[in-house]
Amino acid sequence: HVWTHDGPDAAMYGLVPNYECCTANMHQGYPKLISHLFFTDLAANAVISTIWAPSTVSIQGVGGGADIELRTEYPFDFSVEYVIKNP
């Protein structure tokens, strides 16, 4: 990083003196996470589930389309269930 000295509060989250940008940008985390839960690979005709989180998605253009629900309590439980419905 660019700072030459972090100071004694560097390990604590807060506004000052080291983490002003984190609190100003914290609202970006969930939309970015949600938008990256599923991807499509049209060349492979596949849907890729990248992150385990309770979620639903409607996919168009892969295998005629599908509604996918991911049921999980990860990281508190290590089981996942995919419910896939074709239109």
N, C-alpha and C. Protein backbone atom coordinates (compact mmCIF):
# COMPACT_ATOMS: atom_id res chain seq x y z
N HIS A 1 0.82 -1.19 0.00
CA HIS A 1 0.00 0.00 0.00
C HIS A 1 0.85 1.24 0.00
N VAL A 2 0.23 2.41 -0.02
CA VAL A 2 0.99 3.65 -0.20
C VAL A 2 1.38 4.32 1.10
N TRP A 3 0.84 3.86 2.24
CA TRP A 3 1.17 4.52 3.49
C TRP A 3 2.53 4.04 3.99
N THR A 4 3.27 4.95 4.58
CA THR A 4 4.58 4.57 5.09
C THR A 4 4.49 4.12 6.55
N HIS A 5 3.39 4.45 7.23
CA HIS A 5 3.22 4.03 8.62
C HIS A 5 1.74 3.83 8.87
N ASP A 6 1.35 2.66 9.33
CA ASP A 6 -0.05 2.36 9.58
C ASP A 6 -0.53 2.85 10.94
N GLY A 7 0.33 2.90 11.90
CA GLY A 7 -0.05 3.36 13.22
C GLY A 7 -0.66 2.26 14.06
N PRO A 8 -0.92 2.55 15.33
CA PRO A 8 -1.40 1.52 16.26
C PRO A 8 -2.85 1.10 15.99
N ASP A 9 -3.61 1.88 15.22
CA ASP A 9 -5.01 1.53 14.97
C ASP A 9 -5.21 0.81 13.64
N ALA A 10 -4.17 0.36 13.01
CA ALA A 10 -4.27 -0.21 11.67
C ALA A 10 -5.05 -1.52 11.65
N ALA A 11 -5.10 -2.25 12.75
CA ALA A 11 -5.82 -3.52 12.77
C ALA A 11 -7.29 -3.36 13.13
N MET A 12 -7.74 -2.13 13.39
CA MET A 12 -9.13 -1.89 13.78
C MET A 12 -9.88 -1.23 12.64
N TYR A 13 -11.08 -1.72 12.37
CA TYR A 13 -11.91 -1.13 11.33
C TYR A 13 -12.56 0.13 11.90
N GLY A 14 -12.59 1.17 11.12
CA GLY A 14 -13.23 2.40 11.55
C GLY A 14 -12.98 3.51 10.56
N LEU A 15 -13.49 4.66 10.85
CA LEU A 15 -13.34 5.79 9.94
C LEU A 15 -11.92 6.32 9.87
N VAL A 16 -11.34 6.51 11.00
CA VAL A 16 -10.03 7.13 11.02
C VAL A 16 -9.07 6.25 11.80
N PRO A 17 -7.82 6.22 11.54
CA PRO A 17 -7.09 7.01 10.55
C PRO A 17 -6.84 6.26 9.25
N ASN A 18 -7.23 4.97 9.16
CA ASN A 18 -6.76 4.17 8.02
C ASN A 18 -7.82 3.71 7.03
N TYR A 19 -9.09 3.74 7.39
CA TYR A 19 -10.08 3.05 6.57
C TYR A 19 -11.24 3.91 6.12
N GLU A 20 -11.03 5.14 5.78
CA GLU A 20 -12.11 6.01 5.33
C GLU A 20 -12.77 5.45 4.08
N CYS A 21 -11.99 4.89 3.17
CA CYS A 21 -12.54 4.39 1.91
C CYS A 21 -13.44 3.18 2.13
N CYS A 22 -13.17 2.37 3.15
CA CYS A 22 -14.01 1.19 3.38
C CYS A 22 -15.43 1.58 3.74
N THR A 23 -15.60 2.53 4.63
CA THR A 23 -16.95 2.91 5.02
C THR A 23 -17.66 3.67 3.90
N ALA A 24 -16.93 4.38 3.09
CA ALA A 24 -17.55 5.10 1.98
C ALA A 24 -17.96 4.15 0.86
N ASN A 25 -17.28 3.01 0.72
CA ASN A 25 -17.55 2.09 -0.37
C ASN A 25 -18.23 0.79 0.06
N MET A 26 -18.61 0.68 1.34
CA MET A 26 -19.15 -0.59 1.83
C MET A 26 -20.44 -1.00 1.14
N HIS A 27 -21.21 -0.06 0.64
CA HIS A 27 -22.47 -0.38 -0.01
C HIS A 27 -22.28 -1.12 -1.33
N GLN A 28 -21.07 -1.18 -1.85
CA GLN A 28 -20.81 -1.84 -3.13
C GLN A 28 -20.67 -3.36 -2.98
N GLY A 29 -20.43 -3.85 -1.80
CA GLY A 29 -20.13 -5.27 -1.60
C GLY A 29 -21.25 -6.21 -1.99
N TYR A 30 -22.45 -6.02 -1.46
CA TYR A 30 -23.54 -6.96 -1.73
C TYR A 30 -23.99 -6.97 -3.19
N PRO A 31 -24.16 -5.83 -3.85
CA PRO A 31 -24.52 -5.89 -5.27
C PRO A 31 -23.46 -6.61 -6.11
N LYS A 32 -22.19 -6.42 -5.80
CA LYS A 32 -21.14 -7.11 -6.55
C LYS A 32 -21.16 -8.60 -6.27
N LEU A 33 -21.38 -8.98 -5.01
CA LEU A 33 -21.48 -10.39 -4.66
C LEU A 33 -22.64 -11.04 -5.40
N ILE A 34 -23.81 -10.44 -5.33
CA ILE A 34 -25.01 -11.01 -5.93
C ILE A 34 -24.88 -11.12 -7.45
N SER A 35 -24.27 -10.14 -8.07
CA SER A 35 -24.14 -10.17 -9.52
C SER A 35 -23.12 -11.20 -10.02
N HIS A 36 -22.36 -11.81 -9.10
CA HIS A 36 -21.36 -12.80 -9.49
C HIS A 36 -21.65 -14.20 -8.94
N LEU A 37 -22.88 -14.46 -8.50
CA LEU A 37 -23.22 -15.79 -7.99
C LEU A 37 -23.30 -16.83 -9.09
N PHE A 38 -23.80 -16.44 -10.27
CA PHE A 38 -23.96 -17.36 -11.40
C PHE A 38 -23.40 -16.71 -12.66
N PHE A 39 -22.80 -17.52 -13.51
CA PHE A 39 -22.35 -17.09 -14.83
C PHE A 39 -22.84 -18.10 -15.85
N THR A 40 -22.92 -17.66 -17.10
CA THR A 40 -23.24 -18.59 -18.18
C THR A 40 -22.04 -18.69 -19.11
N ASP A 41 -21.82 -19.89 -19.61
CA ASP A 41 -20.80 -20.13 -20.63
C ASP A 41 -21.55 -20.63 -21.86
N LEU A 42 -21.86 -19.73 -22.77
CA LEU A 42 -22.66 -20.08 -23.93
C LEU A 42 -21.94 -21.06 -24.84
N ALA A 43 -20.61 -20.98 -24.93
CA ALA A 43 -19.85 -21.90 -25.77
C ALA A 43 -19.97 -23.34 -25.26
N ALA A 44 -20.02 -23.51 -23.96
CA ALA A 44 -20.15 -24.85 -23.37
C ALA A 44 -21.60 -25.19 -23.05
N ASN A 45 -22.51 -24.25 -23.32
CA ASN A 45 -23.93 -24.44 -23.01
C ASN A 45 -24.10 -24.79 -21.53
N ALA A 46 -23.47 -23.99 -20.66
CA ALA A 46 -23.42 -24.32 -19.23
C ALA A 46 -23.71 -23.11 -18.37
N VAL A 47 -24.19 -23.40 -17.16
CA VAL A 47 -24.37 -22.40 -16.11
C VAL A 47 -23.37 -22.74 -15.01
N ILE A 48 -22.66 -21.74 -14.53
CA ILE A 48 -21.64 -21.94 -13.50
C ILE A 48 -22.08 -21.25 -12.22
N SER A 49 -22.15 -22.01 -11.14
CA SER A 49 -22.45 -21.46 -9.82
C SER A 49 -21.11 -21.19 -9.14
N THR A 50 -20.80 -19.92 -8.92
CA THR A 50 -19.45 -19.57 -8.46
C THR A 50 -19.33 -19.45 -6.95
N ILE A 51 -20.39 -19.03 -6.28
CA ILE A 51 -20.33 -18.79 -4.84
C ILE A 51 -21.57 -19.40 -4.20
N TRP A 52 -21.38 -20.13 -3.11
CA TRP A 52 -22.52 -20.69 -2.42
C TRP A 52 -23.17 -19.62 -1.55
N ALA A 53 -24.40 -19.26 -1.92
CA ALA A 53 -25.20 -18.33 -1.15
C ALA A 53 -26.65 -18.60 -1.52
N PRO A 54 -27.58 -18.51 -0.58
CA PRO A 54 -28.98 -18.71 -0.93
C PRO A 54 -29.37 -17.73 -2.04
N SER A 55 -29.85 -18.26 -3.16
CA SER A 55 -30.10 -17.39 -4.31
C SER A 55 -30.99 -18.08 -5.32
N THR A 56 -31.55 -17.27 -6.22
CA THR A 56 -32.31 -17.76 -7.37
C THR A 56 -31.89 -16.95 -8.58
N VAL A 57 -31.98 -17.60 -9.74
CA VAL A 57 -31.63 -16.93 -10.99
C VAL A 57 -32.46 -17.53 -12.11
N SER A 58 -32.83 -16.71 -13.05
CA SER A 58 -33.50 -17.17 -14.27
C SER A 58 -32.50 -17.02 -15.42
N ILE A 59 -32.19 -18.12 -16.06
CA ILE A 59 -31.20 -18.15 -17.13
C ILE A 59 -31.92 -18.27 -18.46
N GLN A 60 -31.52 -17.46 -19.41
CA GLN A 60 -32.03 -17.55 -20.79
C GLN A 60 -30.88 -17.92 -21.70
N GLY A 61 -31.16 -18.69 -22.74
CA GLY A 61 -30.15 -18.95 -23.76
C GLY A 61 -29.26 -20.14 -23.51
N VAL A 62 -29.35 -20.79 -22.36
CA VAL A 62 -28.55 -21.98 -22.09
C VAL A 62 -29.53 -23.14 -21.94
N GLY A 63 -29.46 -24.09 -22.85
CA GLY A 63 -30.32 -25.27 -22.77
C GLY A 63 -31.80 -24.93 -22.81
N GLY A 64 -32.17 -23.88 -23.47
CA GLY A 64 -33.58 -23.49 -23.53
C GLY A 64 -34.04 -22.66 -22.34
N GLY A 65 -33.15 -22.37 -21.41
CA GLY A 65 -33.48 -21.55 -20.25
C GLY A 65 -33.82 -22.41 -19.04
N ALA A 66 -33.68 -21.82 -17.86
CA ALA A 66 -33.97 -22.53 -16.62
C ALA A 66 -34.09 -21.53 -15.48
N ASP A 67 -34.86 -21.92 -14.48
CA ASP A 67 -34.91 -21.21 -13.21
C ASP A 67 -34.14 -22.05 -12.21
N ILE A 68 -33.15 -21.45 -11.57
CA ILE A 68 -32.27 -22.18 -10.65
C ILE A 68 -32.36 -21.55 -9.28
N GLU A 69 -32.56 -22.39 -8.28
CA GLU A 69 -32.55 -21.95 -6.89
C GLU A 69 -31.45 -22.71 -6.16
N LEU A 70 -30.62 -21.99 -5.45
CA LEU A 70 -29.56 -22.60 -4.65
C LEU A 70 -29.96 -22.47 -3.19
N ARG A 71 -30.17 -23.60 -2.54
CA ARG A 71 -30.54 -23.63 -1.12
C ARG A 71 -29.33 -24.06 -0.31
N THR A 72 -28.91 -23.23 0.60
CA THR A 72 -27.76 -23.54 1.45
C THR A 72 -27.76 -22.63 2.67
N GLU A 73 -27.06 -23.07 3.69
CA GLU A 73 -26.79 -22.24 4.86
C GLU A 73 -25.28 -22.06 5.02
N TYR A 74 -24.57 -22.28 3.92
CA TYR A 74 -23.12 -22.11 3.92
C TYR A 74 -22.77 -20.69 4.36
N PRO A 75 -21.81 -20.46 5.20
CA PRO A 75 -20.76 -21.33 5.71
C PRO A 75 -21.09 -22.02 7.03
N PHE A 76 -22.34 -21.94 7.47
CA PHE A 76 -22.72 -22.54 8.74
C PHE A 76 -23.09 -24.01 8.60
N ASP A 77 -23.31 -24.44 7.37
CA ASP A 77 -23.60 -25.83 7.05
C ASP A 77 -22.99 -26.10 5.67
N PHE A 78 -22.48 -27.29 5.47
CA PHE A 78 -21.77 -27.57 4.23
C PHE A 78 -22.60 -28.32 3.20
N SER A 79 -23.91 -28.22 3.29
CA SER A 79 -24.74 -28.87 2.30
C SER A 79 -25.34 -27.82 1.37
N VAL A 80 -25.51 -28.20 0.11
CA VAL A 80 -26.15 -27.33 -0.87
C VAL A 80 -27.15 -28.16 -1.65
N GLU A 81 -28.21 -27.50 -2.10
CA GLU A 81 -29.22 -28.14 -2.92
C GLU A 81 -29.58 -27.20 -4.06
N TYR A 82 -29.49 -27.70 -5.27
CA TYR A 82 -29.90 -26.94 -6.44
C TYR A 82 -31.26 -27.44 -6.89
N VAL A 83 -32.20 -26.53 -7.06
CA VAL A 83 -33.52 -26.86 -7.60
C VAL A 83 -33.57 -26.20 -8.98
N ILE A 84 -33.66 -27.02 -10.01
CA ILE A 84 -33.63 -26.52 -11.39
C ILE A 84 -34.96 -26.83 -12.05
N LYS A 85 -35.58 -25.79 -12.60
CA LYS A 85 -36.86 -25.93 -13.27
C LYS A 85 -36.71 -25.41 -14.70
N ASN A 86 -37.08 -26.25 -15.65
CA ASN A 86 -37.08 -25.81 -17.05
C ASN A 86 -38.46 -25.24 -17.37
N PRO A 87 -38.48 -24.20 -18.20
CA PRO A 87 -39.79 -23.61 -18.53
C PRO A 87 -40.66 -24.52 -19.38
